[in-house]
Protein backbone atom coordinates (compact mmCIF):
# COMPACT_ATOMS: atom_id res chain seq x y z
CA UNK A 1 56.73 -43.90 -9.67
CA UNK A 2 58.10 -43.20 -6.11
CA UNK A 3 57.63 -39.76 -6.72
CA UNK A 4 54.31 -40.01 -7.63
CA UNK A 5 53.09 -42.22 -4.67
CA UNK A 6 54.99 -39.80 -2.50
CA UNK A 7 52.78 -36.89 -3.61
CA UNK A 8 49.68 -38.95 -3.62
CA UNK A 9 50.42 -39.64 -0.19
CA UNK A 10 50.98 -36.31 0.99
CA UNK A 11 47.62 -34.90 -0.48
CA UNK A 12 45.96 -37.74 1.40
CA UNK A 13 47.21 -36.75 4.61
CA UNK A 14 46.31 -32.92 3.80
CA UNK A 15 42.85 -34.07 2.77
CA UNK A 16 42.36 -36.04 6.02
CA UNK A 17 43.61 -33.15 8.32
CA UNK A 18 41.02 -30.97 6.63
CA UNK A 19 38.25 -33.46 7.63
CA UNK A 20 39.90 -33.32 11.20
CA UNK A 21 39.56 -29.80 11.65
CA UNK A 22 35.92 -29.39 10.29
CA UNK A 23 34.84 -32.69 12.74
CA UNK A 24 36.53 -30.48 15.53
CA UNK A 25 34.22 -27.16 14.69
CA UNK A 26 31.18 -29.04 14.43
CA UNK A 27 28.72 -28.93 17.28
CA UNK A 28 27.06 -31.90 19.40
CA UNK A 29 24.44 -31.97 16.42
CA UNK A 30 26.71 -32.52 13.74
CA UNK A 31 26.01 -29.06 12.43
CA UNK A 32 28.86 -26.72 11.25
CA UNK A 33 29.01 -23.31 13.75
CA UNK A 34 27.78 -20.16 12.21
CA UNK A 35 30.28 -17.98 10.83
CA UNK A 36 29.76 -15.09 13.33
CA UNK A 37 31.01 -17.40 15.99
CA UNK A 38 27.93 -19.03 16.78
CA UNK A 39 26.26 -15.63 17.37
CA UNK A 40 22.78 -15.07 15.71
CA UNK A 41 22.05 -11.91 13.68
CA UNK A 42 20.43 -9.15 15.99
CA UNK A 43 18.70 -7.91 12.96
CA UNK A 44 14.85 -7.72 13.24
CA UNK A 45 13.30 -9.81 10.29
CA UNK A 46 10.35 -8.33 8.62
CA UNK A 47 8.08 -10.10 6.03
CA UNK A 48 6.00 -7.64 3.91
CA UNK A 49 3.73 -8.54 1.46
CA UNK A 50 2.71 -5.88 -0.89
CA UNK A 51 -0.67 -5.75 -2.82
CA UNK A 52 1.18 -4.90 -6.19
CA UNK A 53 2.00 -1.71 -8.45
CA UNK A 54 -1.20 -1.08 -9.71
CA UNK A 55 -0.77 2.79 -9.20
CA UNK A 56 1.58 5.87 -8.18
CA UNK A 57 0.79 5.68 -4.66
CA UNK A 58 1.41 2.25 -4.26
CA UNK A 59 4.84 2.51 -5.83
CA UNK A 60 5.96 5.23 -3.40
CA UNK A 61 4.69 2.80 -0.34
CA UNK A 62 6.95 0.20 -1.78
CA UNK A 63 9.66 2.64 -2.16
CA UNK A 64 9.43 3.93 1.60
CA UNK A 65 9.59 0.87 2.97
CA UNK A 66 12.14 -0.57 0.91
CA UNK A 67 14.28 2.38 1.61
CA UNK A 68 13.68 2.60 5.29
CA UNK A 69 13.64 -1.06 6.52
CA UNK A 70 16.02 -2.46 3.64
CA UNK A 71 18.72 0.21 3.89
CA UNK A 72 18.56 0.04 7.76
CA UNK A 73 21.04 -2.06 9.76
CA UNK A 74 18.78 -2.96 12.01
CA UNK A 75 16.38 -4.79 9.94
CA UNK A 76 16.47 -7.49 7.33
CA UNK A 77 13.42 -7.26 4.79
CA UNK A 78 11.88 -10.04 3.04
CA UNK A 79 9.55 -8.46 0.33
CA UNK A 80 6.62 -9.95 -1.90
CA UNK A 81 4.88 -8.57 -4.35
CA UNK A 82 1.21 -9.98 -4.59
CA UNK A 83 0.28 -8.73 -7.87
CA UNK A 84 -3.16 -7.66 -6.71
CA UNK A 85 -4.24 -11.51 -6.08
CA UNK A 86 -5.28 -12.44 -2.15
CA UNK A 87 -4.04 -15.93 -2.81
CA UNK A 88 -0.58 -14.75 -3.50
CA UNK A 89 -0.55 -12.90 -0.15
CA UNK A 90 -1.63 -16.08 1.90
CA UNK A 91 1.09 -17.46 0.33
CA UNK A 92 3.67 -15.04 1.10
CA UNK A 93 2.14 -15.13 4.77
CA UNK A 94 2.79 -18.90 4.95
CA UNK A 95 6.23 -18.43 3.66
CA UNK A 96 7.14 -15.58 6.47
CA UNK A 97 5.74 -18.05 9.05
CA UNK A 98 8.00 -21.00 7.74
CA UNK A 99 10.87 -18.51 7.59
CA UNK A 100 10.27 -17.34 11.10
CA UNK A 101 10.23 -13.64 10.69
CA UNK A 102 9.95 -11.41 13.76
CA UNK A 103 6.85 -9.09 12.30
CA UNK A 104 4.61 -9.56 9.18
CA UNK A 105 3.58 -6.42 7.72
CA UNK A 106 0.43 -6.74 5.05
CA UNK A 107 -1.11 -4.42 2.91
CA UNK A 108 -4.20 -6.29 2.23
CA UNK A 109 -5.80 -6.45 -1.28
CA UNK A 110 -9.29 -7.15 -0.05
CA UNK A 111 -11.07 -6.94 3.80
CA UNK A 112 -12.34 -10.33 3.93
CA UNK A 113 -10.82 -14.16 3.96
CA UNK A 114 -7.69 -13.80 6.28
CA UNK A 115 -8.72 -15.56 9.23
CA UNK A 116 -7.20 -18.86 8.66
CA UNK A 117 -3.88 -17.88 7.69
CA UNK A 118 -3.51 -15.26 10.35
CA UNK A 119 -4.49 -17.53 13.09
CA UNK A 120 -1.27 -19.20 11.60
CA UNK A 121 0.52 -16.52 12.34
CA UNK A 122 -0.81 -15.82 15.82
CA UNK A 123 -0.18 -19.46 16.63
CA UNK A 124 3.22 -18.74 15.64
CA UNK A 125 3.63 -15.74 17.85
CA UNK A 126 4.58 -13.38 14.86
CA UNK A 127 2.97 -9.94 15.19
CA UNK A 128 1.08 -9.00 12.06
CA UNK A 129 1.04 -5.13 10.86
CA UNK A 130 -1.81 -3.71 8.64
CA UNK A 131 -0.54 -1.28 6.26
CA UNK A 132 -2.92 1.13 4.42
CA UNK A 133 -5.94 -0.99 4.29
CA UNK A 134 -8.11 -2.80 6.76
CA UNK A 135 -9.54 -5.99 7.20
CA UNK A 136 -12.55 -7.92 8.43
CA UNK A 137 -11.77 -10.54 11.17
CA UNK A 138 -13.98 -11.69 13.84
CA UNK A 139 -11.20 -11.96 16.35
CA UNK A 140 -9.16 -8.64 15.88
CA UNK A 141 -6.31 -10.01 17.93
CA UNK A 142 -5.36 -11.52 15.03
CA UNK A 143 -3.58 -8.51 13.94
CA UNK A 144 -1.83 -6.13 16.05
CA UNK A 145 -2.15 -2.95 14.73
CA UNK A 146 -3.21 -0.83 11.51
CA UNK A 147 -1.01 2.02 9.95
CA UNK A 148 -2.59 4.26 7.69
CA UNK A 149 -5.21 6.79 6.68
CA UNK A 150 -9.10 7.29 7.73
CA UNK A 151 -10.61 6.48 4.36
CA UNK A 152 -14.24 7.54 5.51
CA UNK A 153 -12.68 10.95 6.61
CA UNK A 154 -11.31 11.27 3.36
CA UNK A 155 -14.38 10.60 1.12
CA UNK A 156 -16.14 12.92 3.83
CA UNK A 157 -13.51 15.64 2.80
CA UNK A 158 -13.72 15.08 -0.79
CA UNK A 159 -17.50 15.42 -0.88
CA UNK A 160 -17.49 18.76 1.21
CA UNK A 161 -15.06 20.29 -1.04
CA UNK A 162 -16.58 19.64 -4.07
CA UNK A 163 -20.11 20.81 -2.65
CA UNK A 164 -18.09 24.15 -1.63
CA UNK A 165 -16.63 24.43 -4.82
CA UNK A 166 -19.72 23.98 -6.81
CA UNK A 167 -21.93 25.87 -4.58
CA UNK A 168 -24.48 24.40 -1.75
CA UNK A 169 -27.23 25.70 -3.45
CA UNK A 170 -26.45 24.41 -6.98
CA UNK A 171 -27.42 21.16 -8.44
CA UNK A 172 -24.72 18.35 -9.53
CA UNK A 173 -24.66 15.06 -11.02
CA UNK A 174 -21.59 13.19 -10.16
CA UNK A 175 -20.28 9.86 -11.57
CA UNK A 176 -18.07 7.86 -9.06
CA UNK A 177 -15.02 5.67 -10.10
CA UNK A 178 -14.63 3.28 -7.39
CA UNK A 179 -11.44 1.17 -6.23
CA UNK A 180 -10.78 -2.22 -6.24
CA UNK A 181 -14.00 -4.07 -5.26
CA UNK A 182 -14.07 -5.09 -1.79
CA UNK A 183 -10.68 -3.08 -0.60
CA UNK A 184 -11.27 -1.34 2.47
CA UNK A 185 -10.18 1.69 0.83
CA UNK A 186 -12.79 1.93 -1.77
CA UNK A 187 -15.55 0.79 0.91
CA UNK A 188 -14.57 3.64 3.05
CA UNK A 189 -14.15 6.10 0.68
CA UNK A 190 -17.41 5.51 -0.90
CA UNK A 191 -19.25 5.56 2.30
CA UNK A 192 -17.65 8.94 3.31
CA UNK A 193 -18.98 10.77 0.43
CA UNK A 194 -22.12 8.92 0.69
CA UNK A 195 -22.20 10.49 4.41
CA UNK A 196 -21.78 14.05 3.12
CA UNK A 197 -24.25 13.98 0.41
CA UNK A 198 -27.14 12.78 2.43
CA UNK A 199 -27.44 16.14 3.69
CA UNK A 200 -27.37 17.87 0.39
CA UNK A 201 -30.04 15.93 -1.80
CA UNK A 202 -29.26 18.18 -4.84
CA UNK A 203 -26.00 16.42 -5.18
CA UNK A 204 -26.51 12.98 -6.90
CA UNK A 205 -24.64 10.45 -7.89
CA UNK A 206 -26.06 9.17 -11.15
CA UNK A 207 -23.14 6.27 -11.96
CA UNK A 208 -20.66 4.03 -9.77
CA UNK A 209 -18.43 1.60 -10.86
CA UNK A 210 -15.17 0.21 -9.95
CA UNK A 211 -12.12 1.38 -12.15
CA UNK A 212 -9.72 -0.95 -9.82
CA UNK A 213 -7.32 1.79 -8.75
CA UNK A 214 -5.95 1.79 -12.35
CA UNK A 215 -5.12 4.66 -14.61
CA UNK A 216 -6.45 2.59 -17.71
CA UNK A 217 -9.46 1.28 -16.15
CA UNK A 218 -10.55 4.62 -14.76
CA UNK A 219 -10.38 6.01 -18.39
CA UNK A 220 -12.26 2.84 -19.60
CA UNK A 221 -14.97 3.33 -17.15
CA UNK A 222 -14.95 7.23 -17.52
CA UNK A 223 -15.49 6.79 -21.14
CA UNK A 224 -18.67 4.56 -20.73
CA UNK A 225 -20.10 7.24 -18.27
CA UNK A 226 -19.86 9.98 -20.69
CA UNK A 227 -21.07 7.84 -23.85
CA UNK A 228 -24.51 7.45 -21.66
CA UNK A 229 -24.60 10.51 -20.00
CA UNK A 230 -22.04 13.03 -20.97
CA UNK A 231 -24.08 16.45 -21.08
CA UNK A 232 -25.53 15.76 -17.73
CA UNK A 233 -22.09 15.08 -15.64
CA UNK A 234 -21.20 17.55 -13.77
CA UNK A 235 -18.44 16.13 -11.53
CA UNK A 236 -16.44 13.00 -10.90
CA UNK A 237 -15.24 11.64 -7.70
CA UNK A 238 -12.46 8.95 -7.89
CA UNK A 239 -11.18 7.11 -5.30
CA UNK A 240 -7.74 7.43 -6.38
CA UNK A 241 -5.68 9.82 -8.44
CA UNK A 242 -4.82 7.42 -10.91
CA UNK A 243 -8.44 6.59 -12.04
CA UNK A 244 -8.93 10.54 -11.99
CA UNK A 245 -5.91 10.85 -14.37
CA UNK A 246 -7.51 7.86 -16.65
CA UNK A 247 -10.95 9.81 -16.51
CA UNK A 248 -9.24 13.30 -17.53
CA UNK A 249 -8.00 11.85 -20.54
CA UNK A 250 -11.24 10.47 -21.29
CA UNK A 251 -13.00 13.82 -20.71
CA UNK A 252 -10.53 15.71 -23.17
CA UNK A 253 -11.17 12.74 -25.49
CA UNK A 254 -14.97 13.47 -25.34
CA UNK A 255 -14.30 17.06 -26.12
CA UNK A 256 -14.92 18.64 -22.94
CA UNK A 257 -12.48 20.37 -20.13
CA UNK A 258 -11.84 18.40 -17.17
CA UNK A 259 -11.74 20.80 -14.14
CA UNK A 260 -14.02 23.47 -16.34
CA UNK A 261 -16.75 21.41 -17.77
CA UNK A 262 -16.48 18.51 -15.70
CA UNK A 263 -15.14 19.16 -11.77
CA UNK A 264 -12.69 16.45 -10.84
CA UNK A 265 -12.10 15.55 -7.07
CA UNK A 266 -9.70 12.38 -6.24
CA UNK A 267 -8.06 11.02 -3.39
CA UNK A 268 -4.06 10.05 -2.66
CA UNK A 269 -1.96 13.04 -3.60
CA UNK A 270 0.52 11.76 -6.25
CA UNK A 271 2.91 14.11 -8.18
CA UNK A 272 0.86 13.51 -11.31
CA UNK A 273 -2.35 14.69 -9.85
CA UNK A 274 -0.61 17.78 -8.70
CA UNK A 275 0.97 18.44 -12.20
CA UNK A 276 -2.92 18.23 -13.83
CA UNK A 277 -4.42 20.40 -10.68
CA UNK A 278 -1.64 23.03 -11.65
CA UNK A 279 -2.73 22.99 -15.13
CA UNK A 280 -6.25 23.36 -13.95
CA UNK A 281 -7.41 19.84 -14.96
CA UNK A 282 -8.45 18.73 -11.61
CA UNK A 283 -9.67 20.68 -8.73
CA UNK A 284 -9.40 18.91 -5.57
CA UNK A 285 -6.77 16.22 -4.14
CA UNK A 286 -7.63 14.61 -0.88
CA UNK A 287 -4.02 13.60 0.57
CA UNK A 288 -3.48 10.14 1.48
CA UNK A 289 0.15 9.73 2.34
CA UNK A 290 2.03 6.44 1.56
CA UNK A 291 5.37 7.09 2.79
CA UNK A 292 4.88 4.72 6.01
CA UNK A 293 8.13 3.16 6.16
CA UNK A 294 9.45 5.34 8.99
CA UNK A 295 5.89 4.82 10.94
CA UNK A 296 6.43 0.86 10.09
CA UNK A 297 9.98 0.60 11.57
CA UNK A 298 9.05 2.37 14.65
CA UNK A 299 6.08 0.14 15.42
CA UNK A 300 8.50 -2.81 14.68
CA UNK A 301 11.01 -1.73 17.04
CA UNK A 302 8.65 -0.81 19.63
CA UNK A 303 7.18 -4.30 19.25
CA UNK A 304 10.69 -6.00 19.60
CA UNK A 305 11.38 -3.87 22.54
CA UNK A 306 8.34 -5.15 24.14
CA UNK A 307 6.10 -1.89 24.35
CA UNK A 308 2.60 -2.04 23.36
CA UNK A 309 2.13 -0.18 20.09
CA UNK A 310 -1.51 1.75 19.14
CA UNK A 311 -4.03 -0.20 17.47
CA UNK A 312 -4.26 2.40 15.04
CA UNK A 313 -1.11 4.70 13.83
CA UNK A 314 -2.65 7.49 11.79
CA UNK A 315 -0.83 9.29 9.10
CA UNK A 316 -0.73 13.31 8.61
CA UNK A 317 -2.61 14.23 5.61
CA UNK A 318 -3.84 17.51 3.93
CA UNK A 319 -6.30 18.68 1.42
CA UNK A 320 -5.33 20.62 -1.54
CA UNK A 321 -8.05 22.92 -3.60
CA UNK A 322 -7.39 24.74 -6.61
CA UNK A 323 -4.57 25.75 -8.79
CA UNK A 324 -2.59 27.79 -6.59
CA UNK A 325 -2.41 25.27 -3.74
CA UNK A 326 -1.30 22.69 -5.98
CA UNK A 327 1.59 24.97 -7.81
CA UNK A 328 2.61 25.78 -4.05
CA UNK A 329 2.92 21.99 -3.18
CA UNK A 330 4.21 20.73 -6.43
CA UNK A 331 7.97 21.31 -5.61
CA UNK A 332 7.91 19.48 -2.58
CA UNK A 333 5.82 16.38 -3.35
CA UNK A 334 8.06 13.51 -3.06
CA UNK A 335 5.89 10.56 -4.73
């Protein structure tokens, strides 16, 4: 009994000593000091709201940013997949603001409807960098910079190369697979292509419909085009490679040869498209570089250092025409 009481008293003394030590290491607000000796982390915290994973291009962009920022000791990356829903992106941005991130990176699913949430970010003094797609806002100070391509130029290049391929003096009926309705990439690529066709009235878009930037929907829409106008289609213009690959499948199942019976031109430059081009199934690939991680990292570092960054940080891109160009480029494709 005596030994038990003695052990109990010793245990009680030990516990009281622990509490005294904790109390001595507490600050005046009653909160424990940080494990780093009271020094806050020097990492730059970036919140990235991605549209989703609707295409190989989008997956490559996500990978580039995760590898560049996620594996860099200078950064802490907070990633959110919106699954192609604007409401999910707005919720993610609201969470980033609450977490007091240093910079918000946003690949916007659509162009409009951002004023309210971006105003909250501005009020919180958190700069916003747009990635690969633009937005339409009355107050352009709601975002700091846009990193990405010239979508109108991409559409223009697609049209110019298609006209060269078919021949300026020839007639051509074109069907168009548009991207997601309301997306800046879809709007601008359509505008750019149409700008060039204005000067070539013998080239006509006879059908145009959204394939939502996906391979499955691209095939579905192309099947409908073939069913209604199969004998009259000379070319298909797809706003991205994934829809073009879906269209190629539909053309083959219809009994025609893609790249020969129906010319195919698309935008992005994913590996699958180069493989199709090497087989002669697609003719023109307008590159849209998704490897934006390094440019985003540099822009964020510059902002953190108090430097002014360009309103538009453009990516370097090329156009690939024909089987030989695809075969030459294929071994070096990273996405």
